[in-house]
Amino acid sequence: MKQIRRVAFKMFLKPGFEKEYVKRHNEIWPELKDLLHTSGVRDYSIFHDKDTNALFAVQKVVGQTASQDLGQNPIVQKWWAHMADIMETNPDNSPKMVPLAETFHMD
């Protein structure tokens, strides 16, 4: 049985796009959701800090592939382009992302 691990990271939303960010994620493409699931991503949540516009993401991952490892996939690249106008991004449209180390967990 594969081990489940928790992965957390933060990204950054451009000011004034909170509602649009929520709207786009409420309409997440089925093919992206399927890709994440078949890649081992489970229980994926994103939280918004309104004071800093930071987005805190946490996901459970079965296996070694987390969502940040799927950047070569055309579906992910299309999603990045779709989100680039409302997020801080790198030149390839990937979101600027800071990995976070787990410092505490309780079941």
N, C-alpha and C. Protein backbone atom coordinates (compact mmCIF):
# COMPACT_ATOMS: atom_id res chain seq x y z
N MET A 1 0.84 -1.18 0.00
CA MET A 1 0.00 0.00 0.00
C MET A 1 0.88 1.25 0.00
N LYS A 2 0.53 2.21 -0.85
CA LYS A 2 1.32 3.43 -0.93
C LYS A 2 1.03 4.33 0.27
N GLN A 3 2.07 5.02 0.70
CA GLN A 3 1.93 5.92 1.83
C GLN A 3 1.29 7.24 1.38
N ILE A 4 0.45 7.78 2.24
CA ILE A 4 -0.16 9.08 1.99
C ILE A 4 0.67 10.14 2.71
N ARG A 5 1.01 11.20 1.98
CA ARG A 5 1.76 12.30 2.60
C ARG A 5 1.00 13.60 2.40
N ARG A 6 1.26 14.55 3.26
CA ARG A 6 0.64 15.87 3.16
C ARG A 6 1.63 16.83 2.53
N VAL A 7 1.14 17.64 1.60
CA VAL A 7 1.95 18.64 0.92
C VAL A 7 1.25 19.98 1.10
N ALA A 8 2.00 21.00 1.46
CA ALA A 8 1.43 22.34 1.61
C ALA A 8 2.33 23.36 0.92
N PHE A 9 1.69 24.39 0.39
CA PHE A 9 2.44 25.46 -0.27
C PHE A 9 1.58 26.70 -0.31
N LYS A 10 2.22 27.83 -0.57
CA LYS A 10 1.43 29.05 -0.74
C LYS A 10 1.68 29.65 -2.11
N MET A 11 0.65 30.33 -2.59
CA MET A 11 0.68 31.04 -3.85
C MET A 11 0.14 32.44 -3.56
N PHE A 12 0.07 33.28 -4.59
CA PHE A 12 -0.31 34.66 -4.34
C PHE A 12 -1.33 35.15 -5.36
N LEU A 13 -2.44 35.65 -4.84
CA LEU A 13 -3.52 36.17 -5.66
C LEU A 13 -3.32 37.67 -5.87
N LYS A 14 -3.59 38.14 -7.07
CA LYS A 14 -3.53 39.58 -7.32
C LYS A 14 -4.71 40.24 -6.59
N PRO A 15 -4.50 41.44 -6.05
CA PRO A 15 -5.58 42.12 -5.32
C PRO A 15 -6.82 42.33 -6.19
N GLY A 16 -7.98 42.14 -5.55
CA GLY A 16 -9.25 42.39 -6.21
C GLY A 16 -9.82 41.22 -6.98
N PHE A 17 -9.16 40.07 -6.95
CA PHE A 17 -9.62 38.92 -7.74
C PHE A 17 -10.12 37.75 -6.91
N GLU A 18 -10.46 38.02 -5.66
CA GLU A 18 -10.90 36.93 -4.78
C GLU A 18 -12.12 36.21 -5.33
N LYS A 19 -13.15 36.96 -5.73
CA LYS A 19 -14.38 36.33 -6.22
C LYS A 19 -14.14 35.57 -7.52
N GLU A 20 -13.31 36.12 -8.39
CA GLU A 20 -13.01 35.44 -9.66
C GLU A 20 -12.24 34.15 -9.41
N TYR A 21 -11.32 34.17 -8.45
CA TYR A 21 -10.56 32.97 -8.11
C TYR A 21 -11.50 31.86 -7.65
N VAL A 22 -12.42 32.22 -6.75
CA VAL A 22 -13.39 31.24 -6.25
C VAL A 22 -14.27 30.73 -7.40
N LYS A 23 -14.73 31.63 -8.24
CA LYS A 23 -15.58 31.25 -9.38
C LYS A 23 -14.88 30.24 -10.27
N ARG A 24 -13.64 30.52 -10.63
CA ARG A 24 -12.91 29.62 -11.53
C ARG A 24 -12.68 28.26 -10.89
N HIS A 25 -12.43 28.23 -9.59
CA HIS A 25 -12.23 26.94 -8.94
C HIS A 25 -13.55 26.20 -8.73
N ASN A 26 -14.63 26.92 -8.57
CA ASN A 26 -15.94 26.26 -8.50
C ASN A 26 -16.29 25.61 -9.83
N GLU A 27 -15.69 26.10 -10.90
CA GLU A 27 -15.92 25.57 -12.25
C GLU A 27 -14.70 24.79 -12.76
N ILE A 28 -13.96 24.18 -11.84
CA ILE A 28 -12.74 23.45 -12.23
C ILE A 28 -13.07 22.45 -13.35
N TRP A 29 -12.19 22.38 -14.30
CA TRP A 29 -12.41 21.51 -15.45
C TRP A 29 -12.38 20.04 -15.02
N PRO A 30 -13.31 19.24 -15.50
CA PRO A 30 -13.32 17.81 -15.14
C PRO A 30 -12.00 17.12 -15.51
N GLU A 31 -11.42 17.48 -16.65
CA GLU A 31 -10.16 16.83 -17.04
C GLU A 31 -9.00 17.17 -16.11
N LEU A 32 -9.02 18.36 -15.51
CA LEU A 32 -7.98 18.72 -14.54
C LEU A 32 -8.21 17.96 -13.24
N LYS A 33 -9.45 17.92 -12.81
CA LYS A 33 -9.78 17.17 -11.59
C LYS A 33 -9.41 15.70 -11.75
N ASP A 34 -9.72 15.12 -12.90
CA ASP A 34 -9.36 13.72 -13.16
C ASP A 34 -7.85 13.52 -13.15
N LEU A 35 -7.12 14.44 -13.78
CA LEU A 35 -5.66 14.35 -13.81
C LEU A 35 -5.08 14.38 -12.40
N LEU A 36 -5.55 15.31 -11.58
CA LEU A 36 -5.06 15.39 -10.20
C LEU A 36 -5.34 14.09 -9.46
N HIS A 37 -6.55 13.58 -9.61
CA HIS A 37 -6.92 12.36 -8.90
C HIS A 37 -6.09 11.16 -9.36
N THR A 38 -5.96 10.98 -10.67
CA THR A 38 -5.19 9.83 -11.17
C THR A 38 -3.71 9.97 -10.86
N SER A 39 -3.25 11.19 -10.59
CA SER A 39 -1.85 11.41 -10.22
C SER A 39 -1.61 11.21 -8.73
N GLY A 40 -2.68 10.98 -7.96
CA GLY A 40 -2.52 10.69 -6.55
C GLY A 40 -2.90 11.82 -5.61
N VAL A 41 -3.36 12.94 -6.14
CA VAL A 41 -3.74 14.07 -5.28
C VAL A 41 -5.12 13.81 -4.70
N ARG A 42 -5.21 13.93 -3.38
CA ARG A 42 -6.46 13.72 -2.65
C ARG A 42 -6.67 14.87 -1.68
N ASP A 43 -7.91 15.05 -1.26
CA ASP A 43 -8.23 15.97 -0.17
C ASP A 43 -7.47 17.30 -0.33
N TYR A 44 -7.72 18.00 -1.43
CA TYR A 44 -7.01 19.21 -1.81
C TYR A 44 -7.86 20.43 -1.44
N SER A 45 -7.30 21.30 -0.62
CA SER A 45 -7.99 22.52 -0.21
C SER A 45 -7.07 23.72 -0.39
N ILE A 46 -7.67 24.88 -0.71
CA ILE A 46 -6.93 26.13 -0.81
C ILE A 46 -7.64 27.15 0.05
N PHE A 47 -6.87 27.86 0.87
CA PHE A 47 -7.41 28.88 1.76
C PHE A 47 -6.84 30.24 1.37
N HIS A 48 -7.62 31.30 1.56
CA HIS A 48 -7.20 32.65 1.18
C HIS A 48 -7.00 33.51 2.43
N ASP A 49 -5.83 34.14 2.54
CA ASP A 49 -5.56 35.11 3.60
C ASP A 49 -5.85 36.49 3.01
N LYS A 50 -6.96 37.09 3.40
CA LYS A 50 -7.40 38.35 2.82
C LYS A 50 -6.44 39.51 3.13
N ASP A 51 -5.70 39.41 4.23
CA ASP A 51 -4.78 40.49 4.60
C ASP A 51 -3.54 40.54 3.69
N THR A 52 -3.12 39.38 3.20
CA THR A 52 -1.88 39.33 2.42
C THR A 52 -2.09 38.86 0.98
N ASN A 53 -3.30 38.41 0.66
CA ASN A 53 -3.62 37.80 -0.63
C ASN A 53 -2.84 36.50 -0.87
N ALA A 54 -2.31 35.93 0.19
CA ALA A 54 -1.65 34.64 0.06
C ALA A 54 -2.72 33.55 -0.02
N LEU A 55 -2.45 32.55 -0.83
CA LEU A 55 -3.29 31.36 -0.94
C LEU A 55 -2.52 30.20 -0.31
N PHE A 56 -3.10 29.57 0.67
CA PHE A 56 -2.48 28.44 1.35
C PHE A 56 -3.14 27.17 0.85
N ALA A 57 -2.36 26.31 0.22
CA ALA A 57 -2.89 25.06 -0.33
C ALA A 57 -2.34 23.89 0.46
N VAL A 58 -3.19 22.91 0.68
CA VAL A 58 -2.77 21.67 1.34
C VAL A 58 -3.46 20.52 0.64
N GLN A 59 -2.71 19.45 0.43
CA GLN A 59 -3.27 18.28 -0.24
C GLN A 59 -2.64 17.02 0.33
N LYS A 60 -3.41 15.98 0.29
CA LYS A 60 -2.88 14.66 0.60
C LYS A 60 -2.51 14.01 -0.72
N VAL A 61 -1.38 13.34 -0.73
CA VAL A 61 -0.86 12.76 -1.96
C VAL A 61 -0.53 11.29 -1.74
N VAL A 62 -1.05 10.45 -2.63
CA VAL A 62 -0.71 9.03 -2.63
C VAL A 62 0.40 8.87 -3.67
N GLY A 63 1.56 8.39 -3.24
CA GLY A 63 2.69 8.27 -4.16
C GLY A 63 3.57 9.50 -4.11
N GLN A 64 4.33 9.71 -5.16
CA GLN A 64 5.33 10.77 -5.16
C GLN A 64 4.94 12.01 -5.96
N THR A 65 3.84 11.98 -6.71
CA THR A 65 3.49 13.08 -7.61
C THR A 65 2.46 13.99 -6.95
N ALA A 66 2.85 15.22 -6.62
CA ALA A 66 1.92 16.23 -6.12
C ALA A 66 1.52 17.13 -7.28
N SER A 67 0.56 18.01 -7.05
CA SER A 67 0.07 18.86 -8.13
C SER A 67 1.18 19.70 -8.75
N GLN A 68 2.15 20.12 -7.96
CA GLN A 68 3.24 20.96 -8.46
C GLN A 68 4.18 20.20 -9.40
N ASP A 69 4.06 18.89 -9.44
CA ASP A 69 4.93 18.06 -10.29
C ASP A 69 4.32 17.80 -11.67
N LEU A 70 3.17 18.39 -11.97
CA LEU A 70 2.45 18.09 -13.20
C LEU A 70 2.59 19.19 -14.26
N GLY A 71 3.56 20.06 -14.10
CA GLY A 71 3.71 21.22 -14.97
C GLY A 71 3.97 20.94 -16.43
N GLN A 72 4.41 19.75 -16.78
CA GLN A 72 4.64 19.42 -18.19
C GLN A 72 3.37 18.94 -18.89
N ASN A 73 2.32 18.73 -18.12
CA ASN A 73 1.07 18.24 -18.70
C ASN A 73 0.33 19.39 -19.39
N PRO A 74 -0.15 19.19 -20.61
CA PRO A 74 -0.85 20.26 -21.34
C PRO A 74 -2.11 20.77 -20.63
N ILE A 75 -2.80 19.91 -19.89
CA ILE A 75 -3.99 20.34 -19.15
C ILE A 75 -3.59 21.34 -18.07
N VAL A 76 -2.51 21.04 -17.37
CA VAL A 76 -2.02 21.93 -16.31
C VAL A 76 -1.54 23.25 -16.92
N GLN A 77 -0.83 23.17 -18.03
CA GLN A 77 -0.34 24.38 -18.67
C GLN A 77 -1.51 25.27 -19.13
N LYS A 78 -2.56 24.65 -19.62
CA LYS A 78 -3.76 25.39 -20.04
C LYS A 78 -4.42 26.05 -18.82
N TRP A 79 -4.48 25.33 -17.69
CA TRP A 79 -5.05 25.88 -16.46
C TRP A 79 -4.22 27.07 -15.98
N TRP A 80 -2.89 26.92 -16.01
CA TRP A 80 -2.02 28.03 -15.60
C TRP A 80 -2.30 29.27 -16.45
N ALA A 81 -2.43 29.09 -17.75
CA ALA A 81 -2.71 30.23 -18.64
C ALA A 81 -4.07 30.84 -18.30
N HIS A 82 -5.03 29.99 -17.96
CA HIS A 82 -6.38 30.44 -17.59
C HIS A 82 -6.34 31.27 -16.31
N MET A 83 -5.43 30.96 -15.40
CA MET A 83 -5.37 31.62 -14.10
C MET A 83 -4.35 32.77 -14.05
N ALA A 84 -3.52 32.90 -15.06
CA ALA A 84 -2.38 33.83 -15.02
C ALA A 84 -2.78 35.29 -14.83
N ASP A 85 -3.96 35.68 -15.30
CA ASP A 85 -4.34 37.08 -15.18
C ASP A 85 -4.75 37.48 -13.77
N ILE A 86 -4.96 36.50 -12.89
CA ILE A 86 -5.41 36.84 -11.53
C ILE A 86 -4.44 36.40 -10.44
N MET A 87 -3.33 35.78 -10.82
CA MET A 87 -2.35 35.31 -9.85
C MET A 87 -0.96 35.82 -10.20
N GLU A 88 -0.10 35.86 -9.19
CA GLU A 88 1.31 36.15 -9.45
C GLU A 88 1.92 34.89 -10.05
N THR A 89 2.56 35.05 -11.22
CA THR A 89 3.06 33.89 -11.94
C THR A 89 4.51 34.04 -12.36
N ASN A 90 5.09 32.93 -12.73
CA ASN A 90 6.43 32.88 -13.33
C ASN A 90 6.28 33.10 -14.83
N PRO A 91 7.40 33.27 -15.55
CA PRO A 91 7.31 33.50 -17.00
C PRO A 91 6.57 32.40 -17.77
N ASP A 92 6.53 31.16 -17.27
CA ASP A 92 5.83 30.06 -17.96
C ASP A 92 4.36 29.96 -17.54
N ASN A 93 3.85 30.97 -16.83
CA ASN A 93 2.48 31.04 -16.32
C ASN A 93 2.24 30.19 -15.08
N SER A 94 3.22 29.41 -14.64
CA SER A 94 3.02 28.65 -13.40
C SER A 94 2.89 29.64 -12.25
N PRO A 95 2.07 29.31 -11.27
CA PRO A 95 1.93 30.23 -10.15
C PRO A 95 3.21 30.31 -9.33
N LYS A 96 3.53 31.53 -8.87
CA LYS A 96 4.64 31.65 -7.93
C LYS A 96 4.23 30.87 -6.70
N MET A 97 5.09 29.95 -6.28
CA MET A 97 4.74 29.01 -5.24
C MET A 97 5.89 28.88 -4.26
N VAL A 98 5.54 28.83 -2.98
CA VAL A 98 6.51 28.64 -1.92
C VAL A 98 6.13 27.37 -1.16
N PRO A 99 6.98 26.33 -1.20
CA PRO A 99 6.67 25.11 -0.45
C PRO A 99 6.72 25.41 1.06
N LEU A 100 5.86 24.75 1.80
CA LEU A 100 5.81 24.93 3.25
C LEU A 100 6.14 23.61 3.94
N ALA A 101 6.99 23.70 4.94
CA ALA A 101 7.37 22.51 5.71
C ALA A 101 6.34 22.26 6.80
N GLU A 102 5.96 21.01 6.94
CA GLU A 102 5.02 20.67 8.01
C GLU A 102 5.75 20.74 9.34
N THR A 103 5.17 21.47 10.28
CA THR A 103 5.79 21.60 11.60
C THR A 103 4.96 20.98 12.71
N PHE A 104 3.72 20.63 12.39
CA PHE A 104 2.86 19.97 13.37
C PHE A 104 1.72 19.29 12.64
N HIS A 105 1.33 18.12 13.13
CA HIS A 105 0.15 17.42 12.61
C HIS A 105 -0.48 16.63 13.75
N MET A 106 -1.80 16.59 13.76
CA MET A 106 -2.52 15.77 14.74
C MET A 106 -3.71 15.12 14.04
N ASP A 107 -3.83 13.82 14.16
CA ASP A 107 -5.01 13.10 13.64
C ASP A 107 -6.11 13.14 14.66
